[in-house]
Protein backbone atom coordinates (compact mmCIF):
# COMPACT_ATOMS: atom_id res chain seq x y z
CA UNK A 1 -115.67 99.83 5.25
CA UNK A 2 -113.91 101.54 2.50
CA UNK A 3 -112.25 104.79 2.09
CA UNK A 4 -112.00 107.15 -0.90
CA UNK A 5 -109.49 110.20 -1.26
CA UNK A 6 -110.09 112.48 -4.07
CA UNK A 7 -107.27 115.09 -4.85
CA UNK A 8 -109.33 117.90 -6.49
CA UNK A 9 -107.97 121.19 -7.60
CA UNK A 10 -110.01 123.21 -4.95
CA UNK A 11 -110.08 120.53 -2.34
CA UNK A 12 -109.09 117.15 -1.18
CA UNK A 13 -112.20 115.05 -0.09
CA UNK A 14 -112.46 111.81 1.90
CA UNK A 15 -115.41 109.69 2.07
CA UNK A 16 -115.98 106.62 3.95
CA UNK A 17 -118.47 104.08 2.21
CA UNK A 18 -119.97 101.02 3.93
CA UNK A 19 -120.64 97.57 2.17
CA UNK A 20 -124.25 98.45 2.09
CA UNK A 21 -123.53 101.74 -0.15
CA UNK A 22 -124.16 104.06 2.47
CA UNK A 23 -121.85 107.29 2.74
CA UNK A 24 -121.02 106.94 6.32
CA UNK A 25 -118.75 110.23 6.64
CA UNK A 26 -117.08 112.92 4.66
CA UNK A 27 -114.24 115.33 5.15
CA UNK A 28 -112.78 118.30 3.06
CA UNK A 29 -109.64 120.47 3.30
CA UNK A 30 -109.58 123.31 0.68
CA UNK A 31 -106.82 123.94 -1.90
CA UNK A 32 -105.51 126.98 -3.69
CA UNK A 33 -103.98 127.31 -7.05
CA UNK A 34 -100.70 129.60 -7.74
CA UNK A 35 -100.50 131.69 -11.11
CA UNK A 36 -97.04 133.44 -10.82
CA UNK A 37 -97.17 134.19 -14.66
CA UNK A 38 -100.10 134.34 -17.36
CA UNK A 39 -101.01 130.78 -18.36
CA UNK A 40 -99.17 129.08 -15.30
CA UNK A 41 -101.15 126.89 -12.77
CA UNK A 42 -99.45 125.37 -10.21
CA UNK A 43 -99.58 124.03 -6.55
CA UNK A 44 -97.26 122.66 -4.05
CA UNK A 45 -97.50 118.92 -3.36
CA UNK A 46 -96.82 119.70 0.46
CA UNK A 47 -100.09 121.21 0.40
CA UNK A 48 -101.70 118.09 -0.92
CA UNK A 49 -100.19 116.35 1.93
CA UNK A 50 -101.22 118.76 4.53
CA UNK A 51 -104.77 118.61 3.21
CA UNK A 52 -104.82 115.03 3.48
CA UNK A 53 -103.42 114.97 7.23
CA UNK A 54 -106.10 117.24 7.74
CA UNK A 55 -109.12 115.20 6.38
CA UNK A 56 -107.73 111.96 7.98
CA UNK A 57 -107.16 113.58 11.46
CA UNK A 58 -110.80 114.79 11.28
CA UNK A 59 -112.15 111.19 10.43
CA UNK A 60 -109.94 109.74 13.08
CA UNK A 61 -111.56 112.15 15.60
CA UNK A 62 -115.08 111.70 14.51
CA UNK A 63 -115.06 107.98 13.03
CA UNK A 64 -112.54 105.94 15.00
CA UNK A 65 -114.57 102.74 15.41
CA UNK A 66 -115.25 103.04 11.22
CA UNK A 67 -111.43 103.67 10.55
CA UNK A 68 -110.79 100.63 12.81
CA UNK A 69 -112.61 98.23 10.29
CA UNK A 70 -111.31 99.90 7.14
CA UNK A 71 -110.78 97.29 4.62
CA UNK A 72 -108.95 99.00 1.73
CA UNK A 73 -108.44 102.71 0.32
CA UNK A 74 -109.04 103.94 -3.20
CA UNK A 75 -107.37 107.21 -4.77
CA UNK A 76 -108.88 109.74 -7.30
CA UNK A 77 -107.10 112.74 -8.51
CA UNK A 78 -106.92 115.84 -11.05
CA UNK A 79 -105.27 114.23 -13.85
CA UNK A 80 -102.30 115.50 -15.84
CA UNK A 81 -100.39 117.45 -13.07
CA UNK A 82 -96.48 116.91 -13.44
CA UNK A 83 -94.89 116.25 -9.88
CA UNK A 84 -91.15 115.85 -10.47
CA UNK A 85 -88.84 114.20 -8.07
CA UNK A 86 -85.28 113.95 -7.73
CA UNK A 87 -83.58 110.77 -6.53
CA UNK A 88 -84.23 110.97 -3.05
CA UNK A 89 -87.94 111.18 -4.02
CA UNK A 90 -87.78 114.99 -2.87
CA UNK A 91 -90.13 117.42 -4.79
CA UNK A 92 -87.91 119.64 -7.22
CA UNK A 93 -90.61 122.33 -8.04
CA UNK A 94 -94.35 123.19 -7.61
CA UNK A 95 -96.48 120.50 -9.72
CA UNK A 96 -97.65 121.97 -12.91
CA UNK A 97 -101.35 121.36 -13.20
CA UNK A 98 -103.75 120.21 -15.69
CA UNK A 99 -105.17 123.61 -16.57
CA UNK A 100 -101.48 125.20 -17.23
CA UNK A 101 -101.12 126.55 -20.71
CA UNK A 102 -97.58 127.36 -21.10
CA UNK A 103 -96.39 124.54 -23.21
CA UNK A 104 -98.17 125.07 -26.46
CA UNK A 105 -95.01 125.27 -28.57
CA UNK A 106 -93.96 122.32 -26.69
CA UNK A 107 -96.97 120.35 -28.11
CA UNK A 108 -96.05 121.54 -31.69
CA UNK A 109 -92.77 120.32 -31.15
CA UNK A 110 -93.75 116.94 -30.03
CA UNK A 111 -96.43 116.54 -32.88
CA UNK A 112 -93.43 116.87 -35.30
CA UNK A 113 -91.15 114.92 -33.61
CA UNK A 114 -93.44 111.91 -33.38
CA UNK A 115 -96.05 111.99 -36.31
CA UNK A 116 -97.50 108.80 -34.98
CA UNK A 117 -98.38 110.41 -31.60
CA UNK A 118 -102.17 110.67 -32.05
CA UNK A 119 -102.47 106.90 -33.32
CA UNK A 120 -100.18 105.96 -30.22
CA UNK A 121 -102.11 108.04 -27.53
CA UNK A 122 -105.45 108.48 -29.03
CA UNK A 123 -105.32 112.01 -28.30
CA UNK A 124 -103.62 115.34 -29.68
CA UNK A 125 -100.87 116.71 -27.92
CA UNK A 126 -102.22 119.65 -25.58
CA UNK A 127 -100.93 122.00 -23.01
CA UNK A 128 -102.96 120.09 -20.41
CA UNK A 129 -101.18 116.87 -20.75
CA UNK A 130 -98.22 115.73 -18.86
CA UNK A 131 -95.60 114.81 -21.53
CA UNK A 132 -95.43 118.68 -23.14
CA UNK A 133 -94.90 119.92 -19.24
CA UNK A 134 -91.93 118.14 -19.05
CA UNK A 135 -90.54 119.09 -22.46
CA UNK A 136 -90.84 122.80 -21.07
CA UNK A 137 -89.20 122.02 -17.99
CA UNK A 138 -86.42 120.41 -20.22
CA UNK A 139 -86.25 123.71 -22.31
CA UNK A 140 -86.81 126.45 -19.72
CA UNK A 141 -85.50 124.74 -16.39
CA UNK A 142 -82.58 122.56 -17.64
CA UNK A 143 -80.90 122.49 -14.08
CA UNK A 144 -84.49 121.03 -12.66
CA UNK A 145 -84.91 118.40 -15.59
CA UNK A 146 -81.21 117.27 -14.96
CA UNK A 147 -82.43 116.25 -11.52
CA UNK A 148 -85.60 114.47 -12.59
CA UNK A 149 -85.64 110.82 -11.71
CA UNK A 150 -89.10 110.27 -11.21
CA UNK A 151 -92.58 111.88 -12.76
CA UNK A 152 -95.82 111.24 -10.73
CA UNK A 153 -99.32 112.38 -11.26
CA UNK A 154 -100.87 114.15 -8.44
CA UNK A 155 -102.71 111.45 -6.81
CA UNK A 156 -99.96 109.05 -7.25
CA UNK A 157 -97.46 111.34 -5.25
CA UNK A 158 -99.92 111.01 -2.58
CA UNK A 159 -99.78 107.17 -3.08
CA UNK A 160 -96.00 107.57 -2.69
CA UNK A 161 -96.47 109.42 0.64
CA UNK A 162 -99.08 106.88 1.90
CA UNK A 163 -97.20 103.60 0.85
CA UNK A 164 -93.74 104.32 -0.20
CA UNK A 165 -94.52 102.85 -3.67
CA UNK A 166 -94.61 104.64 -6.84
CA UNK A 167 -97.62 103.37 -8.91
CA UNK A 168 -99.98 104.75 -11.20
CA UNK A 169 -103.48 103.28 -12.65
CA UNK A 170 -104.41 103.12 -16.75
CA UNK A 171 -107.00 105.90 -16.57
CA UNK A 172 -104.69 108.66 -15.06
CA UNK A 173 -101.55 107.41 -17.05
CA UNK A 174 -103.61 107.61 -20.38
CA UNK A 175 -103.76 111.53 -19.68
CA UNK A 176 -99.89 112.01 -19.53
CA UNK A 177 -99.26 111.43 -23.33
CA UNK A 178 -96.72 108.67 -22.54
CA UNK A 179 -99.33 105.84 -22.41
CA UNK A 180 -99.85 103.51 -25.47
CA UNK A 181 -103.67 103.69 -24.71
CA UNK A 182 -104.84 100.81 -26.68
CA UNK A 183 -102.10 98.44 -25.31
CA UNK A 184 -102.41 99.82 -21.67
CA UNK A 185 -98.59 100.22 -21.41
CA UNK A 186 -95.91 102.86 -21.33
CA UNK A 187 -94.80 103.96 -24.92
CA UNK A 188 -91.07 103.98 -25.24
CA UNK A 189 -91.17 106.24 -28.40
CA UNK A 190 -93.00 109.14 -26.44
CA UNK A 191 -91.08 108.82 -23.19
CA UNK A 192 -87.84 109.24 -25.53
CA UNK A 193 -89.41 112.26 -27.25
CA UNK A 194 -89.20 114.07 -23.86
CA UNK A 195 -85.77 112.70 -22.74
CA UNK A 196 -87.21 110.08 -20.37
CA UNK A 197 -87.33 106.20 -20.09
CA UNK A 198 -89.72 103.58 -18.12
CA UNK A 199 -87.45 104.25 -15.35
CA UNK A 200 -88.55 107.86 -14.69
CA UNK A 201 -92.12 106.10 -14.86
CA UNK A 202 -94.42 104.56 -11.87
CA UNK A 203 -95.14 100.88 -12.25
CA UNK A 204 -98.77 100.36 -13.92
CA UNK A 205 -101.92 98.57 -12.24
CA UNK A 206 -105.54 98.31 -13.28
CA UNK A 207 -107.72 100.77 -11.10
CA UNK A 208 -109.42 97.88 -9.47
CA UNK A 209 -106.34 96.18 -8.53
CA UNK A 210 -104.15 96.36 -5.51
CA UNK A 211 -101.19 98.81 -5.91
CA UNK A 212 -99.66 98.49 -2.45
CA UNK A 213 -100.11 98.78 1.29
CA UNK A 214 -100.45 101.67 3.63
CA UNK A 215 -97.33 102.45 5.67
CA UNK A 216 -97.66 100.80 9.21
CA UNK A 217 -96.73 104.15 10.97
CA UNK A 218 -100.08 105.56 9.05
CA UNK A 219 -102.07 102.94 10.07
CA UNK A 220 -101.12 103.24 13.66
CA UNK A 221 -101.23 107.20 13.68
CA UNK A 222 -104.94 106.94 12.34
CA UNK A 223 -106.22 103.82 13.91
CA UNK A 224 -106.40 101.49 10.78
CA UNK A 225 -106.09 97.96 10.87
CA UNK A 226 -102.60 96.66 9.65
CA UNK A 227 -101.52 96.74 6.04
CA UNK A 228 -104.42 98.22 4.56
CA UNK A 229 -104.56 97.67 0.84
CA UNK A 230 -104.44 100.95 -1.67
CA UNK A 231 -106.07 100.45 -4.88
CA UNK A 232 -104.82 101.50 -8.15
CA UNK A 233 -107.62 104.12 -8.20
CA UNK A 234 -108.27 106.51 -11.05
CA UNK A 235 -108.36 110.00 -12.84
CA UNK A 236 -111.04 111.83 -11.55
CA UNK A 237 -113.64 111.69 -14.27
CA UNK A 238 -113.09 107.63 -14.77
CA UNK A 239 -113.52 107.54 -10.82
CA UNK A 240 -116.70 109.87 -11.04
CA UNK A 241 -118.07 107.20 -13.56
CA UNK A 242 -117.23 104.15 -11.10
CA UNK A 243 -119.08 105.92 -8.33
CA UNK A 244 -122.33 106.70 -10.45
CA UNK A 245 -122.29 103.16 -11.73
CA UNK A 246 -121.38 104.38 -15.41
CA UNK A 247 -118.98 101.80 -16.44
CA UNK A 248 -120.64 100.15 -19.42
CA UNK A 249 -120.77 101.06 -23.15
CA UNK A 250 -122.96 103.92 -23.98
CA UNK A 251 -123.36 105.13 -20.37
CA UNK A 252 -121.98 108.54 -19.30
CA UNK A 253 -122.09 111.90 -17.29
CA UNK A 254 -121.84 115.55 -17.96
CA UNK A 255 -119.61 117.19 -15.03
CA UNK A 256 -119.93 120.58 -14.01
CA UNK A 257 -116.90 120.88 -11.74
CA UNK A 258 -113.97 123.62 -12.07
CA UNK A 259 -113.54 122.01 -15.58
CA UNK A 260 -116.63 120.87 -17.79
CA UNK A 261 -116.76 117.08 -19.11
CA UNK A 262 -118.63 114.92 -21.42
CA UNK A 263 -117.86 111.50 -20.53
CA UNK A 264 -118.93 108.20 -22.40
CA UNK A 265 -118.00 104.75 -21.48
CA UNK A 266 -116.65 102.19 -24.21
CA UNK A 267 -115.74 98.64 -24.84
CA UNK A 268 -112.94 99.49 -27.02
CA UNK A 269 -110.11 102.21 -28.12
CA UNK A 270 -112.13 104.78 -30.22
CA UNK A 271 -110.06 107.73 -30.72
CA UNK A 272 -111.03 110.91 -32.41
CA UNK A 273 -108.18 113.30 -32.06
CA UNK A 274 -108.96 115.64 -34.94
CA UNK A 275 -111.62 117.12 -32.87
CA UNK A 276 -109.52 117.27 -29.78
CA UNK A 277 -111.76 114.42 -28.23
CA UNK A 278 -109.74 112.39 -25.37
CA UNK A 279 -109.79 108.33 -25.76
CA UNK A 280 -108.51 107.17 -22.40
CA UNK A 281 -108.33 103.74 -20.56
CA UNK A 282 -111.27 103.28 -18.16
CA UNK A 283 -110.66 102.53 -14.58
CA UNK A 284 -111.80 98.76 -14.94
CA UNK A 285 -109.74 96.51 -17.00
CA UNK A 286 -110.47 96.07 -20.84
CA UNK A 287 -112.50 99.22 -20.88
CA UNK A 288 -111.84 102.60 -22.26
CA UNK A 289 -113.79 105.71 -22.31
CA UNK A 290 -114.18 108.99 -24.49
CA UNK A 291 -114.46 112.31 -23.02
CA UNK A 292 -114.48 115.91 -24.09
CA UNK A 293 -113.17 118.60 -21.67
CA UNK A 294 -113.67 122.29 -21.65
CA UNK A 295 -111.39 124.26 -19.18
CA UNK A 296 -113.72 126.36 -17.58
CA UNK A 297 -117.34 125.35 -16.55
CA UNK A 298 -118.12 126.02 -12.93
CA UNK A 299 -115.00 128.13 -12.46
CA UNK A 300 -116.67 130.47 -15.43
CA UNK A 301 -119.40 131.09 -13.11
CA UNK A 302 -117.22 131.28 -10.03
CA UNK A 303 -115.23 133.90 -11.93
CA UNK A 304 -118.19 135.79 -13.34
CA UNK A 305 -120.07 135.79 -9.72
CA UNK A 306 -117.09 137.34 -8.12
CA UNK A 307 -116.68 139.90 -11.12
CA UNK A 308 -120.22 140.86 -11.26
CA UNK A 309 -120.40 141.42 -7.52
CA UNK A 310 -122.61 138.57 -6.57
CA UNK A 311 -122.22 137.07 -3.17
CA UNK A 312 -121.81 133.45 -4.51
CA UNK A 313 -122.35 131.21 -7.45
CA UNK A 314 -125.96 130.33 -6.38
CA UNK A 315 -126.69 134.28 -6.08
CA UNK A 316 -125.53 134.46 -9.73
CA UNK A 317 -127.75 131.58 -11.03
CA UNK A 318 -130.65 132.84 -9.32
CA UNK A 319 -130.32 136.26 -10.69
CA UNK A 320 -129.92 134.60 -14.01
CA UNK A 321 -133.28 132.48 -13.25
CA UNK A 322 -135.11 135.58 -12.41
CA UNK A 323 -135.20 136.74 -16.21
CA UNK A 324 -138.39 135.51 -18.51
CA UNK A 325 -137.56 133.12 -21.13
CA UNK A 326 -137.93 136.01 -23.89
CA UNK A 327 -135.24 138.21 -21.72
CA UNK A 328 -132.85 135.15 -21.62
CA UNK A 329 -133.02 134.74 -25.45
CA UNK A 330 -132.16 138.48 -25.57
CA UNK A 331 -129.24 138.36 -23.78
CA UNK A 332 -125.86 138.86 -24.79
CA UNK A 333 -123.61 135.54 -25.71
CA UNK A 334 -120.75 134.47 -23.95
CA UNK A 335 -117.69 132.72 -24.74
CA UNK A 336 -116.20 130.73 -21.68
CA UNK A 337 -112.70 130.36 -22.91
CA UNK A 338 -111.22 132.30 -19.79
CA UNK A 339 -108.86 129.58 -19.32
CA UNK A 340 -108.14 128.87 -23.01
CA UNK A 341 -110.02 125.71 -24.41
CA UNK A 342 -109.35 121.96 -25.02
CA UNK A 343 -112.26 120.11 -26.71
CA UNK A 344 -113.20 120.86 -29.80
CA UNK A 345 -110.70 123.75 -30.09
CA UNK A 346 -107.42 122.77 -28.77
CA UNK A 347 -106.68 126.38 -28.04
CA UNK A 348 -104.88 127.39 -24.99
CA UNK A 349 -104.88 131.00 -25.95
CA UNK A 350 -108.51 131.24 -26.76
CA UNK A 351 -110.28 134.02 -24.67
CA UNK A 352 -113.62 134.54 -23.02
CA UNK A 353 -116.10 137.53 -24.09
CA UNK A 354 -119.54 139.05 -23.67
CA UNK A 355 -120.80 139.97 -26.90
CA UNK A 356 -123.97 141.74 -28.11
CA UNK A 357 -124.13 144.15 -25.20
CA UNK A 358 -126.82 147.01 -25.18
CA UNK A 359 -127.62 149.63 -22.69
CA UNK A 360 -130.85 147.78 -21.61
CA UNK A 361 -128.97 144.64 -20.46
CA UNK A 362 -128.54 144.04 -17.05
CA UNK A 363 -126.44 142.03 -14.43
CA UNK A 364 -128.95 139.46 -14.55
CA UNK A 365 -128.49 139.36 -18.57
CA UNK A 366 -124.61 139.00 -18.09
CA UNK A 367 -125.34 136.26 -15.35
CA UNK A 368 -127.78 134.36 -17.85
CA UNK A 369 -125.06 134.40 -20.71
CA UNK A 370 -122.41 132.70 -18.73
CA UNK A 371 -124.61 129.78 -17.46
CA UNK A 372 -126.06 129.62 -21.02
CA UNK A 373 -122.17 129.83 -22.68
CA UNK A 374 -120.92 126.74 -20.38
CA UNK A 375 -123.87 124.81 -21.84
CA UNK A 376 -122.91 125.70 -25.47
CA UNK A 377 -119.20 124.88 -24.74
CA UNK A 378 -120.22 121.58 -23.45
CA UNK A 379 -122.46 120.86 -26.25
CA UNK A 380 -119.64 121.60 -28.67
CA UNK A 381 -117.64 118.79 -26.84
CA UNK A 382 -120.56 116.41 -26.74
CA UNK A 383 -120.79 116.76 -30.77
CA UNK A 384 -117.24 115.36 -30.99
CA UNK A 385 -118.20 112.19 -29.55
CA UNK A 386 -118.82 109.57 -32.16
CA UNK A 387 -122.49 108.47 -32.43
CA UNK A 388 -122.82 105.11 -30.04
CA UNK A 389 -124.55 102.01 -31.15
CA UNK A 390 -127.69 103.21 -29.02
CA UNK A 391 -127.89 106.90 -29.46
CA UNK A 392 -127.24 109.00 -26.46
CA UNK A 393 -130.44 109.85 -24.83
CA UNK A 394 -129.63 110.16 -21.25
CA UNK A 395 -126.50 111.10 -19.38
CA UNK A 396 -126.19 111.60 -15.85
CA UNK A 397 -125.21 115.06 -14.02
CA UNK A 398 -122.39 115.14 -11.57
CA UNK A 399 -120.23 118.08 -10.05
CA UNK A 400 -120.91 121.02 -7.81
CA UNK A 401 -123.00 122.60 -10.61
CA UNK A 402 -125.50 119.83 -10.33
CA UNK A 403 -127.02 121.36 -7.38
CA UNK A 404 -128.90 123.98 -9.46
CA UNK A 405 -132.24 122.50 -10.84
CA UNK A 406 -132.35 125.63 -13.01
CA UNK A 407 -129.07 125.11 -14.70
CA UNK A 408 -129.59 121.45 -15.10
CA UNK A 409 -133.00 122.22 -16.88
CA UNK A 410 -131.00 124.91 -19.07
CA UNK A 411 -128.61 122.16 -19.88
CA UNK A 412 -130.88 119.48 -20.80
CA UNK A 413 -132.70 121.93 -23.06
CA UNK A 414 -129.33 122.76 -24.62
CA UNK A 415 -128.23 119.34 -25.29
CA UNK A 416 -131.75 118.09 -26.48
CA UNK A 417 -131.69 114.99 -24.20
CA UNK A 418 -132.54 113.99 -20.35
CA UNK A 419 -129.90 114.64 -17.53
CA UNK A 420 -130.24 112.62 -14.41
CA UNK A 421 -129.09 113.87 -11.13
CA UNK A 422 -128.20 110.87 -8.66
CA UNK A 423 -127.71 110.61 -4.89
CA UNK A 424 -124.17 111.69 -4.14
CA UNK A 425 -123.61 113.20 -7.43
CA UNK A 426 -121.29 115.60 -5.86
CA UNK A 427 -119.13 112.89 -4.47
CA UNK A 428 -118.61 111.02 -7.81
CA UNK A 429 -114.77 110.95 -7.59
CA UNK A 430 -114.40 109.99 -3.89
CA UNK A 431 -117.27 107.55 -4.15
CA UNK A 432 -115.49 105.96 -7.10
CA UNK A 433 -112.19 105.76 -5.27
CA UNK A 434 -113.73 104.04 -2.33
CA UNK A 435 -115.62 101.53 -4.84
CA UNK A 436 -112.23 100.92 -6.39
CA UNK A 437 -110.92 100.07 -3.18
CA UNK A 438 -113.85 97.87 -2.49
CA UNK A 439 -113.07 95.96 -5.89
CA UNK A 440 -109.58 95.55 -4.90
CA UNK A 441 -110.40 94.13 -1.68
CA UNK A 442 -112.42 91.49 -3.62
CA UNK A 443 -115.63 93.05 -4.34
CA UNK A 444 -118.05 91.98 -7.17
CA UNK A 445 -117.98 94.39 -9.97
CA UNK A 446 -121.80 94.07 -10.46
CA UNK A 447 -122.68 94.45 -6.74
CA UNK A 448 -120.14 97.45 -6.18
CA UNK A 449 -120.69 99.38 -9.63
CA UNK A 450 -124.39 100.13 -9.18
CA UNK A 451 -126.04 103.30 -10.23
CA UNK A 452 -127.29 105.39 -7.14
CA UNK A 453 -130.94 106.39 -6.80
CA UNK A 454 -132.12 108.98 -8.93
CA UNK A 455 -132.90 112.50 -7.24
CA UNK A 456 -134.15 114.35 -10.43
CA UNK A 457 -134.56 114.02 -13.77
CA UNK A 458 -134.62 116.76 -16.58
CA UNK A 459 -136.32 116.25 -19.85
CA UNK A 460 -135.54 118.97 -22.59
CA UNK A 461 -138.34 121.21 -23.79
CA UNK A 462 -138.49 120.94 -27.63
CA UNK A 463 -139.46 124.70 -28.12
CA UNK A 464 -136.68 125.79 -25.78
CA UNK A 465 -134.03 123.20 -27.56
CA UNK A 466 -134.69 125.02 -30.71
CA UNK A 467 -134.38 128.60 -29.72
CA UNK A 468 -131.34 128.02 -28.12
CA UNK A 469 -129.84 126.01 -31.12
CA UNK A 470 -130.57 129.58 -33.11
CA UNK A 471 -128.26 131.13 -30.35
CA UNK A 472 -125.73 128.27 -30.58
CA UNK A 473 -125.10 128.78 -34.11
CA UNK A 474 -124.30 132.37 -33.57
CA UNK A 475 -121.94 131.55 -30.41
CA UNK A 476 -119.82 129.32 -32.81
CA UNK A 477 -119.38 132.01 -35.16
CA UNK A 478 -118.26 134.37 -32.59
CA UNK A 479 -115.22 131.88 -31.54
CA UNK A 480 -114.31 131.64 -35.21
CA UNK A 481 -114.49 135.60 -35.40
CA UNK A 482 -112.60 136.54 -32.09
CA UNK A 483 -110.28 133.56 -31.85
């Protein structure tokens, strides 16, 4: 039995997995984001621990026999968040999250200070990354910065609480802008540029290696065996890839979560920073991946559902689906940059918009435009990924947005290739974390990292794709005109 713990932005999820690839139980605890100022996005780490206690207490009540047989734990989590600790490992301020946009000027300064930054990290300096967040704290909260003795990513702070050890994995560390991604080691040059040293950083392990063991008192509290090993784990997207068995070169997925991601596994470090493409370490040794990220995907639908008075996101998508194809193609265009944007624009100040409104348009037209606009934003990111040796013709679809068959088909028509939904697609991060725990406990990669059964497949319609590409050209022109 293996436990995956996935610390997301909106919830913490736990998943119990058997060695027969059966999901035995799941538990969730919600989280909220605080936005005290424009561009800010923060969470209190204490809330992460309360959420973890809630899911573990639930599993202990409902699955005591399974927990008593637990072999290992794996961790997955939202990337880039800056959790700042003092010399006694006390949290100094709320964690600054991945979608926080305040550090734009610090990104510009880092780029000037370290001209070789992109060559080392494989990425541009973006406000989402951890390093510019620390530079912002250094400049705007010097009294806090002076007390910083350790910087941890969100899931690694949970690991510290669980094990007493400060450890990170290669895939999550690659999102800090402090890692030499090709060498899979901290960069002293980039640490120094933000006033830090290796002493501030956690120890690094591969995602499928043992990082530490659970504290004895926690094993006793939740009825676990003694000394349960905790795997290195992974950032949420690399974990999702492991959970879907997408670890070989050319395999990948589209994720419709809070953010939107196009992820493709590779066998080498192949950066493309000029178009804001991310090149990160994968969760398995000797592997890397490329990833484009848009900041508002399913979250744009959530925002629109609330703003337009729909009961929830499925209600919005249902009303969008009620339009005929001709009505959909006459809808306004929607720019989904309501939280700024990463790939391919790297513009934290980018803004969203409905454009082309007419008196004949209804709430359904606005709803359709949002779903379509998210697809266009993902397509822009997809096109930043270099052509693979075998051109992409199929990607898996994961995340909460994958529940809508209509939206999945719209995305397939937009991309012009097939999207596949697998069993447990919504559990990718937690599933991947559990599998990394399995590997750390001695599991065989070929046996563990299998692809789950296909539940649905969405092939593109050529005529529909052509019509959408006409609208996509207009969509791209709007970004240039409005931002």
